[in-house]
Protein backbone atom coordinates (compact mmCIF):
# COMPACT_ATOMS: atom_id res chain seq x y z
CA MET A 1 102.51 90.79 80.44
CA LYS A 2 106.00 89.31 80.57
CA ARG A 3 106.30 85.60 81.20
CA SER A 4 109.59 83.81 81.69
CA ILE A 5 108.17 81.09 83.84
CA LEU A 6 105.56 78.76 82.46
CA CYS A 7 102.37 78.47 84.45
CA MET A 8 100.89 75.01 84.68
CA LEU A 9 98.28 74.63 81.97
CA VAL A 10 95.71 72.66 83.85
CA ALA A 11 92.16 72.87 82.56
CA PHE A 12 88.91 71.04 83.06
CA PHE A 13 86.86 70.69 79.89
CA SER A 14 83.09 70.32 79.64
CA SER A 15 83.47 68.08 76.61
CA ALA A 16 85.61 65.01 76.11
CA MET A 17 87.59 66.89 73.47
CA ILE A 18 91.01 68.16 74.55
CA PHE A 19 91.35 71.64 73.09
CA MET A 20 93.90 74.42 73.23
CA PRO A 21 93.11 77.75 71.57
CA ALA A 22 95.82 79.00 69.18
CA PHE A 23 96.18 82.23 71.15
CA ALA A 24 96.46 80.74 74.63
CA SER A 25 99.33 82.25 76.65
CA ASP A 26 101.74 80.64 79.09
CA CYS A 27 99.62 81.25 82.20
CA MET A 28 96.03 80.13 82.27
CA LEU A 29 93.72 82.04 84.57
CA GLN A 30 91.35 79.62 86.30
CA ILE A 31 88.28 81.86 86.34
CA PHE A 32 84.96 81.12 84.67
CA GLY A 33 84.71 83.66 81.89
CA ASN A 34 88.27 83.05 80.71
CA ALA A 35 86.78 81.32 77.69
CA ASN A 36 89.92 81.27 75.56
CA MET A 37 91.99 80.05 78.53
CA ASP A 38 94.79 82.61 78.51
CA ASP A 39 96.08 84.85 81.32
CA ARG A 40 93.27 87.40 81.55
CA ILE A 41 89.59 88.08 80.87
CA ASP A 42 89.04 90.53 78.02
CA GLU A 43 87.24 91.15 74.73
CA LEU A 44 88.86 88.06 73.24
CA ASP A 45 86.81 85.96 75.64
CA ILE A 46 83.60 87.66 74.48
CA ALA A 47 84.51 86.87 70.88
CA TYR A 48 85.33 83.30 71.83
CA VAL A 49 81.97 82.74 73.54
CA GLU A 50 80.20 84.28 70.54
CA GLY A 51 82.03 81.71 68.45
CA ILE A 52 80.81 78.90 70.73
CA ILE A 53 77.20 80.10 70.41
CA GLU A 54 77.58 80.26 66.63
CA GLY A 55 79.12 76.78 66.52
CA ALA A 56 82.54 77.92 65.34
CA ASN A 57 84.46 77.33 68.61
CA VAL A 58 84.69 74.37 70.94
CA SER A 59 83.24 74.94 74.41
CA THR A 60 85.58 74.78 77.38
CA ASN A 61 84.69 74.55 81.05
CA LEU A 62 85.76 78.14 81.62
CA SER A 63 83.43 79.40 78.88
CA ASP A 64 80.49 79.10 81.26
CA ALA A 65 81.14 82.55 82.74
CA ASN A 66 78.06 82.68 84.97
CA TYR A 67 78.49 79.03 85.95
CA ASP A 68 74.92 77.95 85.21
CA GLY A 69 75.73 74.88 83.15
CA LYS A 70 75.11 76.33 79.69
CA ILE A 71 76.74 78.69 77.22
CA ASP A 72 74.56 81.56 76.06
CA ASP A 73 74.30 85.37 75.92
CA LYS A 74 74.23 85.53 79.72
CA ASP A 75 77.84 84.37 79.73
CA ILE A 76 78.78 87.26 77.45
CA GLU A 77 77.01 89.61 79.85
CA GLN A 78 78.98 88.16 82.78
CA ILE A 79 82.30 88.56 80.93
CA GLU A 80 81.42 92.18 80.12
CA LYS A 81 80.70 92.80 83.81
CA ILE A 82 83.99 91.20 84.87
CA ILE A 83 85.88 93.39 82.41
CA SER A 84 84.16 96.53 83.70
CA GLY A 85 84.38 95.45 87.35
CA GLU A 86 80.60 95.37 87.76
CA GLU A 87 80.12 91.63 88.36
CA THR A 88 78.08 90.59 91.41
CA ASN A 89 79.98 87.31 91.76
CA ILE A 90 82.89 85.48 90.24
CA THR A 91 83.56 81.73 90.09
CA VAL A 92 87.10 80.35 90.16
CA ILE A 93 88.92 77.03 90.31
CA ASP A 94 91.39 77.30 93.17
CA GLU A 95 94.69 75.51 93.73
CA SER A 96 92.91 72.51 95.24
CA GLY A 97 90.87 72.06 92.06
CA LYS A 98 87.74 73.14 93.93
CA THR A 99 85.19 75.46 92.30
CA VAL A 100 84.56 78.52 94.46
CA THR A 101 81.95 81.24 93.87
CA ILE A 102 82.81 84.57 95.48
CA ASN A 103 80.17 87.27 95.93
CA GLU A 104 81.26 90.80 95.09
CA PRO A 105 82.34 93.18 96.38
CA VAL A 106 84.79 91.49 98.73
CA GLU A 107 85.26 93.93 101.59
CA ARG A 108 86.20 91.71 104.56
CA ILE A 109 88.94 89.09 104.16
CA VAL A 110 90.36 86.65 106.68
CA ILE A 111 93.79 85.29 105.74
CA CYS A 112 95.23 82.12 107.22
CA HIS A 113 98.77 82.67 105.93
CA ALA A 114 100.93 85.80 105.95
CA MET A 115 101.82 85.48 102.27
CA PHE A 116 98.26 86.48 101.35
CA ALA A 117 98.75 89.73 103.25
CA GLU A 118 101.84 90.43 101.17
CA VAL A 119 99.94 89.85 97.93
CA LEU A 120 96.88 91.86 98.99
CA ARG A 121 99.06 94.77 100.09
CA SER A 122 100.86 94.61 96.75
CA LEU A 123 97.46 95.00 95.10
CA GLY A 124 96.42 97.87 97.36
CA ALA A 125 93.74 95.81 99.09
CA GLU A 126 95.29 95.37 102.55
CA ASP A 127 92.56 97.51 104.11
CA ARG A 128 90.12 94.67 103.51
CA ILE A 129 91.97 92.22 105.76
CA VAL A 130 90.14 91.77 109.06
CA GLY A 131 91.78 88.65 110.52
CA ILE A 132 95.28 87.16 110.50
CA PRO A 133 97.06 83.93 111.60
CA THR A 134 98.66 83.82 115.04
CA TYR A 135 102.32 83.99 114.03
CA MET A 136 101.79 87.11 111.94
CA GLU A 137 101.40 89.23 115.07
CA ASN A 138 105.18 88.94 115.49
CA TYR A 139 105.94 90.40 112.05
CA THR A 140 105.77 93.97 113.26
CA ALA A 141 108.47 95.37 110.95
CA PHE A 142 106.98 94.05 107.72
CA TYR A 143 103.35 94.35 108.83
CA PRO A 144 103.33 97.29 111.28
CA ASP A 145 99.55 97.76 111.01
CA LEU A 146 98.28 94.38 109.85
CA SER A 147 100.08 92.57 112.69
CA LYS A 148 97.69 94.29 115.12
CA LEU A 149 94.53 92.79 113.60
CA PRO A 150 92.41 90.12 115.33
CA ILE A 151 93.94 86.63 115.46
CA VAL A 152 92.13 83.63 113.96
CA GLY A 153 94.40 80.81 115.11
CA GLY A 154 97.29 78.99 113.48
CA ALA A 155 97.86 78.90 109.74
CA SER A 156 97.13 75.18 109.55
CA THR A 157 94.70 75.12 112.50
CA PRO A 158 92.51 78.23 112.21
CA ASP A 159 89.78 78.86 114.75
CA SER A 160 86.47 78.65 112.89
CA GLU A 161 84.55 80.47 115.61
CA ALA A 162 87.04 83.34 115.57
CA ILE A 163 86.67 83.56 111.79
CA VAL A 164 82.88 83.54 111.97
CA SER A 165 82.92 86.38 114.51
CA LEU A 166 84.70 88.62 111.98
CA LYS A 167 81.92 88.20 109.40
CA PRO A 168 84.24 87.73 106.40
CA ASP A 169 83.26 87.85 102.74
CA LEU A 170 86.21 85.61 101.87
CA VAL A 171 88.62 83.32 103.72
CA ILE A 172 91.97 82.46 102.12
CA VAL A 173 93.85 79.32 103.16
CA TRP A 174 97.18 77.84 102.11
CA GLY A 175 96.94 74.66 100.06
CA ASN A 176 95.24 71.73 101.77
CA TRP A 177 95.61 73.03 105.32
CA ALA A 178 92.53 73.11 107.58
CA GLU A 179 90.55 70.67 105.47
CA ASN A 180 87.43 71.09 107.59
CA LEU A 181 87.14 74.81 106.99
CA GLU A 182 84.72 74.63 104.06
CA THR A 183 82.32 72.62 106.22
CA ASP A 184 82.70 74.92 109.23
CA LEU A 185 82.14 78.05 107.14
CA LYS A 186 79.53 76.64 104.77
CA ASP A 187 76.96 79.32 105.54
CA VAL A 188 79.46 82.07 106.37
CA ALA A 189 81.95 82.71 103.56
CA PRO A 190 83.66 80.97 100.64
CA VAL A 191 87.09 79.45 101.25
CA LEU A 192 89.72 80.07 98.59
CA ARG A 193 92.82 77.86 98.57
CA LEU A 194 96.02 79.23 97.02
CA THR A 195 99.67 78.20 97.34
CA TYR A 196 101.93 80.41 95.18
CA ARG A 197 104.02 77.25 94.87
CA PRO A 198 105.61 75.96 92.78
CA PHE A 199 106.59 79.29 91.33
CA SER A 200 105.02 78.26 88.02
CA THR A 201 101.58 78.82 89.56
CA THR A 202 102.34 82.18 91.17
CA ASP A 203 101.17 84.34 88.27
CA GLN A 204 97.80 82.62 88.05
CA ASP A 205 97.29 82.74 91.83
CA ILE A 206 98.01 86.48 91.90
CA MET A 207 95.68 87.11 88.99
CA THR A 208 92.95 84.97 90.58
CA LEU A 209 93.12 87.00 93.78
CA GLY A 210 93.37 90.21 91.77
CA TYR A 211 90.10 89.50 89.98
CA ALA A 212 88.46 88.35 93.22
CA VAL A 213 89.12 91.71 94.89
CA GLY A 214 88.68 93.85 91.77
CA LYS A 215 92.39 94.60 91.48
CA ASN A 216 93.34 92.71 88.33
CA LYS A 217 95.18 95.67 86.80
CA ASP A 218 97.28 96.00 89.94
CA ALA A 219 97.95 92.27 89.78
CA GLU A 220 99.29 92.67 86.24
CA LYS A 221 101.62 95.46 87.38
CA LEU A 222 102.96 93.30 90.22
CA ILE A 223 103.62 90.35 87.92
CA ASP A 224 105.30 92.52 85.33
CA PHE A 225 107.56 93.98 88.03
CA TYR A 226 108.96 90.72 89.40
CA GLN A 227 109.05 89.01 86.03
CA GLU A 228 111.48 91.61 84.69
CA PRO A 229 114.48 90.50 86.80
CA LEU A 230 113.38 86.86 86.57
CA SER A 231 113.27 87.08 82.77
CA LEU A 232 116.77 88.55 82.77
CA ILE A 233 118.03 85.76 85.02
CA SER A 234 116.32 83.05 82.99
CA SER A 235 117.72 84.40 79.73
CA ARG A 236 121.32 84.49 80.93
CA ILE A 237 121.19 81.22 82.82
CA SER A 238 119.91 79.48 79.68
CA THR A 239 123.26 80.16 77.96
CA LEU A 240 125.21 78.23 80.62
CA SER A 241 126.15 74.59 80.41
CA GLU A 242 125.43 72.36 83.40
CA GLU A 243 129.14 72.35 84.22
CA GLU A 244 129.09 76.14 84.50
CA LYS A 245 126.42 75.99 87.21
CA PRO A 246 127.93 75.53 90.69
CA ARG A 247 127.07 72.45 92.71
CA VAL A 248 125.28 73.56 95.86
CA TYR A 249 124.39 71.93 99.16
CA LEU A 250 121.17 73.58 100.33
CA GLU A 251 120.69 73.18 104.06
CA TYR A 252 117.28 73.58 105.69
CA SER A 253 118.58 72.73 109.17
CA ASP A 254 121.60 70.80 110.44
CA TYR A 255 122.10 68.02 107.87
CA ARG A 256 118.60 68.37 106.57
CA THR A 257 118.60 69.47 102.96
CA ASN A 258 116.22 70.84 100.35
CA SER A 259 115.40 68.51 97.50
CA GLU A 260 112.76 68.22 94.80
CA GLY A 261 109.38 69.38 96.03
CA SER A 262 110.75 72.22 98.14
CA GLY A 263 110.59 75.89 97.27
CA ASN A 264 114.29 76.47 97.98
CA HIS A 265 115.24 73.74 95.51
CA GLU A 266 113.18 75.47 92.86
CA MET A 267 114.77 78.82 93.75
CA LEU A 268 118.26 77.38 93.36
CA LEU A 269 117.60 75.90 89.93
CA MET A 270 116.03 79.13 88.69
CA ALA A 271 119.04 81.07 90.00
CA GLY A 272 121.44 78.89 88.02
CA GLY A 273 122.68 76.38 90.57
CA ARG A 274 122.83 72.60 90.67
CA ASN A 275 121.40 70.96 93.76
CA ILE A 276 123.50 68.02 94.95
CA ALA A 277 120.35 66.66 96.60
CA SER A 278 118.34 66.51 93.36
CA GLY A 279 116.73 63.12 93.11
CA ILE A 280 116.52 62.45 96.84
CA THR A 281 112.84 61.71 97.41
CA THR A 282 112.80 60.01 100.81
CA ASP A 283 110.96 62.93 102.39
CA THR A 284 107.58 64.04 100.99
CA SER A 285 108.15 67.58 102.23
CA GLY A 286 111.22 67.96 100.06
CA THR A 287 113.50 68.37 103.09
CA PRO A 288 115.11 64.95 103.69
CA PHE A 289 117.80 64.29 106.28
CA VAL A 290 121.30 63.49 105.06
CA ASP A 291 124.61 62.92 106.85
CA ALA A 292 128.07 64.46 106.84
CA GLU A 293 129.54 61.54 104.94
CA TRP A 294 127.11 62.09 102.08
CA VAL A 295 127.88 65.82 101.93
CA MET A 296 131.63 65.11 101.92
CA LYS A 297 131.22 62.60 99.11
CA GLU A 298 129.15 65.03 97.04
CA ASN A 299 131.74 67.75 97.73
CA PRO A 300 129.63 70.88 97.05
CA GLU A 301 131.26 74.02 95.68
CA ILE A 302 128.86 76.20 97.66
CA ILE A 303 126.80 75.74 100.81
CA MET A 304 123.64 77.79 101.29
CA ARG A 305 121.71 77.70 104.55
CA ARG A 306 118.21 79.03 104.97
CA ALA A 307 118.21 80.82 108.31
CA LEU A 308 115.00 79.88 110.07
CA LYS A 309 113.78 82.14 112.86
CA THR A 310 114.82 79.43 115.32
CA ASP A 311 118.38 79.40 113.88
CA ALA A 312 119.15 83.09 113.80
CA SER A 313 117.25 86.33 114.10
CA CYS A 314 117.27 87.89 110.64
CA GLY A 315 115.00 89.36 107.99
CA TYR A 316 112.95 92.51 108.41
CA ASP A 317 112.91 92.33 112.20
CA GLU A 318 116.68 92.29 112.70
CA ASP A 319 119.36 94.90 111.99
CA ASP A 320 122.30 93.14 113.67
CA THR A 321 124.19 90.48 111.67
CA ALA A 322 125.59 88.82 114.81
CA GLN A 323 123.28 85.81 114.84
CA ILE A 324 123.36 85.03 111.12
CA LYS A 325 127.15 85.48 111.19
CA ALA A 326 127.36 82.97 114.06
CA LEU A 327 125.23 80.50 112.09
CA ARG A 328 127.59 80.76 109.10
CA GLU A 329 130.68 80.36 111.28
CA LYS A 330 129.15 77.29 112.90
CA ILE A 331 128.87 75.68 109.46
CA LEU A 332 132.36 76.77 108.44
CA SER A 333 133.80 75.20 111.60
CA ARG A 334 132.35 71.72 111.08
CA PRO A 335 135.47 69.50 111.13
CA GLU A 336 133.75 66.76 109.16
CA LEU A 337 133.27 69.12 106.19
CA ALA A 338 136.71 70.74 106.35
CA ASN A 339 137.89 69.12 103.12
CA THR A 340 134.91 70.09 100.99
CA THR A 341 135.48 72.71 98.31
CA ALA A 342 132.83 75.01 99.80
CA ILE A 343 134.46 75.11 103.24
CA LYS A 344 137.99 75.40 101.89
CA ASN A 345 137.01 78.42 99.80
CA GLY A 346 134.73 79.94 102.43
CA ASP A 347 131.76 79.74 100.06
CA VAL A 348 129.09 79.42 102.73
CA TYR A 349 126.09 81.76 102.67
CA CYS A 350 122.97 82.18 104.78
CA PHE A 351 119.71 83.72 103.64
CA ALA A 352 116.63 84.81 105.55
CA THR A 353 113.26 83.09 105.47
CA ASP A 354 111.72 86.47 104.62
CA ILE A 355 113.12 86.27 101.07
CA SER A 356 112.44 82.57 100.57
CA THR A 357 108.77 82.03 101.38
CA GLY A 358 105.44 82.82 99.78
CA LEU A 359 105.42 85.60 97.22
CA SER A 360 108.98 86.60 98.19
CA TYR A 361 110.46 83.45 96.62
CA TRP A 362 111.21 85.64 93.62
CA LEU A 363 113.41 87.90 95.75
CA GLY A 364 115.38 84.89 96.93
CA ILE A 365 116.01 83.90 93.32
CA VAL A 366 117.42 87.35 92.56
CA TYR A 367 119.74 87.28 95.58
CA MET A 368 120.88 83.73 94.81
CA ALA A 369 121.55 84.42 91.13
CA LYS A 370 123.79 87.37 92.00
CA GLN A 371 125.87 85.26 94.38
CA LEU A 372 126.06 82.17 92.15
CA HIS A 373 127.03 84.06 89.01
CA PRO A 374 128.52 87.44 89.92
CA ASP A 375 130.22 87.79 86.53
CA ILE A 376 127.14 87.46 84.32
CA PHE A 377 125.00 89.43 86.79
CA SER A 378 127.36 92.31 87.48
CA ASP A 379 124.55 94.70 86.50
CA LEU A 380 121.98 93.02 88.76
CA ASP A 381 121.37 94.81 92.07
CA PRO A 382 119.23 92.63 94.38
CA VAL A 383 119.10 95.25 97.12
CA ALA A 384 117.89 97.97 94.75
CA ILE A 385 115.22 95.67 93.31
CA HIS A 386 114.19 94.63 96.82
CA GLN A 387 114.00 98.29 97.89
CA GLU A 388 111.81 99.24 94.94
CA TYR A 389 109.48 96.35 95.72
CA LEU A 390 109.12 97.46 99.35
CA THR A 391 108.57 101.11 98.46
CA ARG A 392 106.38 100.72 95.38
CA PHE A 393 104.30 97.64 96.12
CA GLN A 394 104.45 97.15 99.89
CA ARG A 395 104.41 100.92 100.48
CA LEU A 396 106.75 100.49 103.44
CA ASP A 397 109.03 103.16 104.85
CA PHE A 398 111.87 100.67 105.21
CA ASN A 399 115.44 101.55 104.20
CA LEU A 400 117.40 98.41 103.36
CA ASN A 401 120.67 100.29 103.78
CA GLU A 402 119.80 100.81 107.43
CA HIS A 403 117.56 97.92 108.40
CA GLY A 404 117.13 94.21 107.84
CA VAL A 405 119.41 91.20 107.40
CA PHE A 406 118.61 89.07 104.36
CA PHE A 407 121.76 87.56 102.85
CA TYR A 408 125.07 86.96 104.58
CA PRO A 409 127.81 87.78 103.83
CA ALA A 410 126.12 90.81 102.32
CA GLU A 411 129.07 91.67 100.09
CA ALA A 412 128.25 88.57 98.03
CA VAL A 413 125.23 90.40 96.62
């Protein structure tokens, strides 16, 4: 599998010895049974556990495939079952660092964030979703069928009783939201916490969910697909000096920017831009407020505004560019920024939330890279890549030449 983005190598060891196998890859899959701590569970893990039993290899926490506190032949049996898809349960370490045991097969899933629906549909497992967060019922263009499913409350404030009534086998929550959910669902279903942020953890989160629903091969195909354009972008951006990367003011809302800790900041850097707000850490969310004087002083070459649903109707649910155009013109007409390079040159762009959240962060990177460096990415077609993703992985009958507003002005990409 292609890897241009390093996954965070975070492991918990059963011994005090810090150990890294010579054949470990860039992305470590946090599933018990991944004995050699690479990006998948395969015959190499069987060989590694055999080496532990024989005393030739050092035991790691993930070597205990059946999670019973000891390393023996039963762990080899569990790994063999995971490889063949015949396991009766699987134990993972989720994004919160919590150990979660999931009974197989997983046939009923409640999701508390729309991004999990996007991933599950990419894996061909959307038919297992039985409950969705409240706001997802409005995403009728992107989720024409899933948006009609039963509602289980807000993404950060799910309704435990509503979840229980759906009799799920698994509940997936974003990050540390709804901290009481494990307690509320203790005797109902395991709670799996994933984030797909920063982007360095996306591969491992997709693979974790892929193994949990028996779709690990489909997860590999998805990762390979989006890593291809990202690898291309990373390779070409690496040849640029810092001075060749444009200085960008990222705007989250009026004079609120994106800095370190935000997904849009990460997108910009990966697309080959320099964020003028790098280093501003006054806001833990990564979206600190600034003022016009600061923006004028920093004098950005480009301004990019993420168009929230409250700013302008755009994304999959909008075909008319009127609102996103108005948002751009509002920024262009700010008298206090009239002397900045970005405003003078008309280099102001707006992009939809739909290509800058959850799994779709990677799409935002592709669109941004094309606009930031049109010369070195003359052969990169964001719309064509986006279309293939929708058709092949989301299995949507959605023609981007006729529907949707994602980046404005569109001719920039």
